[in-house]
N, C-alpha and C. Protein backbone atom coordinates (compact mmCIF):
# COMPACT_ATOMS: atom_id res chain seq x y z
N UNK A 1 10.56 11.85 1.15
CA UNK A 1 10.85 10.55 0.56
C UNK A 1 9.98 10.38 -0.68
N UNK A 2 10.58 9.96 -1.75
CA UNK A 2 9.84 9.72 -2.97
C UNK A 2 9.61 8.22 -3.11
N UNK A 3 8.38 7.77 -2.86
CA UNK A 3 8.11 6.34 -2.89
C UNK A 3 8.15 5.79 -4.31
N UNK A 4 8.17 6.67 -5.31
CA UNK A 4 8.28 6.19 -6.68
C UNK A 4 9.70 5.71 -7.00
N UNK A 5 10.67 6.06 -6.17
CA UNK A 5 12.04 5.58 -6.36
C UNK A 5 12.25 4.23 -5.70
N UNK A 6 11.29 3.76 -4.95
CA UNK A 6 11.39 2.46 -4.30
C UNK A 6 11.30 1.40 -5.39
N UNK A 7 12.26 0.49 -5.42
CA UNK A 7 12.30 -0.49 -6.50
C UNK A 7 11.08 -1.41 -6.51
N UNK A 8 10.50 -1.70 -5.35
CA UNK A 8 9.34 -2.59 -5.29
C UNK A 8 8.11 -1.92 -5.89
N UNK A 9 7.93 -0.65 -5.62
CA UNK A 9 6.71 0.03 -6.02
C UNK A 9 6.84 0.86 -7.31
N UNK A 10 8.05 1.00 -7.82
CA UNK A 10 8.27 1.93 -8.93
C UNK A 10 7.58 1.51 -10.23
N UNK A 11 7.25 0.24 -10.39
CA UNK A 11 6.60 -0.22 -11.62
C UNK A 11 5.08 -0.11 -11.59
N UNK A 12 4.55 0.48 -10.55
CA UNK A 12 3.10 0.56 -10.38
C UNK A 12 2.65 2.01 -10.36
N UNK A 13 1.37 2.21 -10.68
CA UNK A 13 0.79 3.55 -10.65
C UNK A 13 0.60 4.05 -9.22
N UNK A 14 0.10 5.25 -9.10
CA UNK A 14 -0.09 5.88 -7.78
C UNK A 14 -1.22 5.25 -6.99
N UNK A 15 -2.17 4.62 -7.68
CA UNK A 15 -3.29 3.95 -7.02
C UNK A 15 -3.30 2.50 -7.48
N UNK A 16 -3.31 1.60 -6.52
CA UNK A 16 -3.17 0.17 -6.81
C UNK A 16 -4.50 -0.56 -6.71
N UNK A 17 -4.59 -1.65 -7.44
CA UNK A 17 -5.71 -2.58 -7.34
C UNK A 17 -5.32 -3.69 -6.36
N UNK A 18 -6.30 -4.36 -5.78
CA UNK A 18 -5.97 -5.47 -4.87
C UNK A 18 -5.06 -6.53 -5.51
N UNK A 19 -5.24 -6.82 -6.78
CA UNK A 19 -4.38 -7.82 -7.42
C UNK A 19 -2.92 -7.36 -7.48
N UNK A 20 -2.71 -6.06 -7.61
CA UNK A 20 -1.35 -5.53 -7.60
C UNK A 20 -0.74 -5.63 -6.20
N UNK A 21 -1.56 -5.42 -5.18
CA UNK A 21 -1.09 -5.59 -3.80
C UNK A 21 -0.68 -7.04 -3.58
N UNK A 22 -1.45 -7.97 -4.12
CA UNK A 22 -1.11 -9.40 -4.05
C UNK A 22 0.28 -9.64 -4.63
N UNK A 23 0.53 -9.09 -5.82
CA UNK A 23 1.81 -9.27 -6.49
C UNK A 23 2.96 -8.69 -5.67
N UNK A 24 2.75 -7.50 -5.15
CA UNK A 24 3.81 -6.81 -4.42
C UNK A 24 4.15 -7.53 -3.12
N UNK A 25 3.12 -7.94 -2.39
CA UNK A 25 3.33 -8.55 -1.08
C UNK A 25 3.50 -10.07 -1.13
N UNK A 26 3.23 -10.66 -2.28
CA UNK A 26 3.32 -12.13 -2.44
C UNK A 26 2.42 -12.85 -1.44
N UNK A 27 1.18 -12.38 -1.39
CA UNK A 27 0.18 -13.03 -0.54
C UNK A 27 -1.06 -13.31 -1.38
N UNK A 28 -1.94 -14.13 -0.86
CA UNK A 28 -3.12 -14.53 -1.60
C UNK A 28 -4.23 -13.49 -1.60
N UNK A 29 -5.20 -13.75 -2.46
CA UNK A 29 -6.34 -12.85 -2.63
C UNK A 29 -7.10 -12.66 -1.32
N UNK A 30 -7.40 -13.76 -0.63
CA UNK A 30 -8.17 -13.66 0.61
C UNK A 30 -7.42 -12.86 1.67
N UNK A 31 -6.12 -13.03 1.73
CA UNK A 31 -5.31 -12.29 2.71
C UNK A 31 -5.35 -10.79 2.41
N UNK A 32 -5.27 -10.43 1.13
CA UNK A 32 -5.34 -9.01 0.75
C UNK A 32 -6.68 -8.43 1.16
N UNK A 33 -7.77 -9.11 0.81
CA UNK A 33 -9.09 -8.57 1.12
C UNK A 33 -9.35 -8.51 2.63
N UNK A 34 -8.80 -9.44 3.38
CA UNK A 34 -8.93 -9.39 4.84
C UNK A 34 -8.22 -8.16 5.39
N UNK A 35 -7.00 -7.91 4.91
CA UNK A 35 -6.24 -6.73 5.35
C UNK A 35 -6.93 -5.43 4.98
N UNK A 36 -7.56 -5.40 3.81
CA UNK A 36 -8.29 -4.20 3.39
C UNK A 36 -9.56 -4.02 4.22
N UNK A 37 -10.28 -5.10 4.46
CA UNK A 37 -11.55 -5.03 5.19
C UNK A 37 -11.35 -4.63 6.65
N UNK A 38 -10.27 -5.13 7.28
CA UNK A 38 -10.07 -4.81 8.70
C UNK A 38 -9.21 -3.56 8.92
N UNK A 39 -8.76 -2.93 7.83
CA UNK A 39 -8.01 -1.69 7.95
C UNK A 39 -6.52 -1.86 8.19
N UNK A 40 -6.03 -3.09 8.16
CA UNK A 40 -4.60 -3.32 8.32
C UNK A 40 -3.84 -2.58 7.21
N UNK A 41 -4.37 -2.67 6.01
CA UNK A 41 -3.88 -1.86 4.89
C UNK A 41 -4.98 -0.85 4.60
N UNK A 42 -4.67 0.43 4.73
CA UNK A 42 -5.66 1.47 4.46
C UNK A 42 -6.03 1.45 2.99
N UNK A 43 -7.26 1.82 2.72
CA UNK A 43 -7.73 1.83 1.33
C UNK A 43 -8.88 2.81 1.19
N UNK A 44 -9.29 2.98 -0.04
CA UNK A 44 -10.44 3.81 -0.38
C UNK A 44 -11.39 2.91 -1.17
N UNK A 45 -12.68 3.05 -0.93
CA UNK A 45 -13.65 2.27 -1.71
C UNK A 45 -14.36 3.22 -2.67
N UNK A 46 -14.32 2.85 -3.93
CA UNK A 46 -14.99 3.62 -4.97
C UNK A 46 -15.97 2.69 -5.67
N UNK A 47 -17.24 3.02 -5.59
CA UNK A 47 -18.30 2.17 -6.14
C UNK A 47 -18.18 0.73 -5.66
N UNK A 48 -17.84 0.58 -4.39
CA UNK A 48 -17.74 -0.74 -3.78
C UNK A 48 -16.46 -1.49 -4.07
N UNK A 49 -15.54 -0.89 -4.83
CA UNK A 49 -14.28 -1.54 -5.17
C UNK A 49 -13.13 -0.89 -4.41
N UNK A 50 -12.21 -1.74 -3.94
CA UNK A 50 -11.06 -1.23 -3.20
C UNK A 50 -10.03 -0.62 -4.14
N UNK A 51 -9.50 0.52 -3.72
CA UNK A 51 -8.37 1.16 -4.38
C UNK A 51 -7.39 1.52 -3.27
N UNK A 52 -6.11 1.26 -3.51
CA UNK A 52 -5.11 1.45 -2.48
C UNK A 52 -4.07 2.45 -2.99
N UNK A 53 -4.07 3.66 -2.45
CA UNK A 53 -3.02 4.60 -2.83
C UNK A 53 -1.65 4.01 -2.47
N UNK A 54 -0.70 4.21 -3.34
CA UNK A 54 0.65 3.69 -3.12
C UNK A 54 1.20 4.15 -1.76
N UNK A 55 0.87 5.35 -1.38
CA UNK A 55 1.30 5.89 -0.09
C UNK A 55 0.81 5.02 1.07
N UNK A 56 -0.43 4.55 1.00
CA UNK A 56 -0.98 3.69 2.06
C UNK A 56 -0.26 2.35 2.12
N UNK A 57 0.08 1.79 0.97
CA UNK A 57 0.78 0.52 0.97
C UNK A 57 2.20 0.69 1.50
N UNK A 58 2.85 1.77 1.12
CA UNK A 58 4.20 2.04 1.64
C UNK A 58 4.17 2.20 3.16
N UNK A 59 3.14 2.86 3.67
CA UNK A 59 2.99 3.02 5.11
C UNK A 59 2.84 1.66 5.79
N UNK A 60 2.06 0.77 5.19
CA UNK A 60 1.90 -0.58 5.72
C UNK A 60 3.22 -1.35 5.67
N UNK A 61 3.93 -1.25 4.56
CA UNK A 61 5.16 -2.02 4.37
C UNK A 61 6.29 -1.56 5.27
N UNK A 62 6.41 -0.26 5.47
CA UNK A 62 7.57 0.28 6.19
C UNK A 62 7.25 0.81 7.58
N UNK A 63 5.98 0.89 7.94
CA UNK A 63 5.55 1.25 9.29
C UNK A 63 6.14 2.54 9.82
N UNK A 64 6.68 2.47 11.02
CA UNK A 64 7.20 3.66 11.71
C UNK A 64 8.37 4.30 10.96
N UNK A 65 9.18 3.49 10.27
CA UNK A 65 10.29 4.05 9.50
C UNK A 65 9.77 4.98 8.41
N UNK A 66 8.71 4.57 7.75
CA UNK A 66 8.11 5.38 6.70
C UNK A 66 7.53 6.67 7.28
N UNK A 67 6.78 6.55 8.39
CA UNK A 67 6.18 7.73 9.01
C UNK A 67 7.24 8.72 9.47
N UNK A 68 8.37 8.23 9.98
CA UNK A 68 9.46 9.11 10.40
C UNK A 68 10.04 9.86 9.20
N UNK A 69 10.23 9.18 8.09
CA UNK A 69 10.75 9.84 6.89
C UNK A 69 9.80 10.89 6.36
N UNK A 70 8.51 10.57 6.34
CA UNK A 70 7.52 11.52 5.84
C UNK A 70 7.46 12.76 6.74
N UNK A 71 7.57 12.56 8.04
CA UNK A 71 7.49 13.67 8.99
C UNK A 71 8.81 14.39 9.18
N UNK A 72 9.86 13.96 8.48
CA UNK A 72 11.15 14.63 8.55
C UNK A 72 11.93 14.34 9.81
N UNK A 73 11.60 13.28 10.50
CA UNK A 73 12.32 12.93 11.72
C UNK A 73 13.52 12.08 11.36
N UNK A 74 14.54 12.16 12.17
CA UNK A 74 15.76 11.37 11.94
C UNK A 74 15.75 10.12 12.77
């Protein structure tokens, strides 16, 4: 599955900032940071700043359906 063909995520780079996650999910700043802090949305911290690979956000958004596609399951 090519997540760059997804219309929601296609306008964004491969690594997202928290503000971009806000825009995509239509949720507030505090909600985004809570999800990042508790691991609901996987992320990477670089110099104390959150970075979210597009793959991690797609996994959060599509859950088991996404994992099945990535693993080649029908």
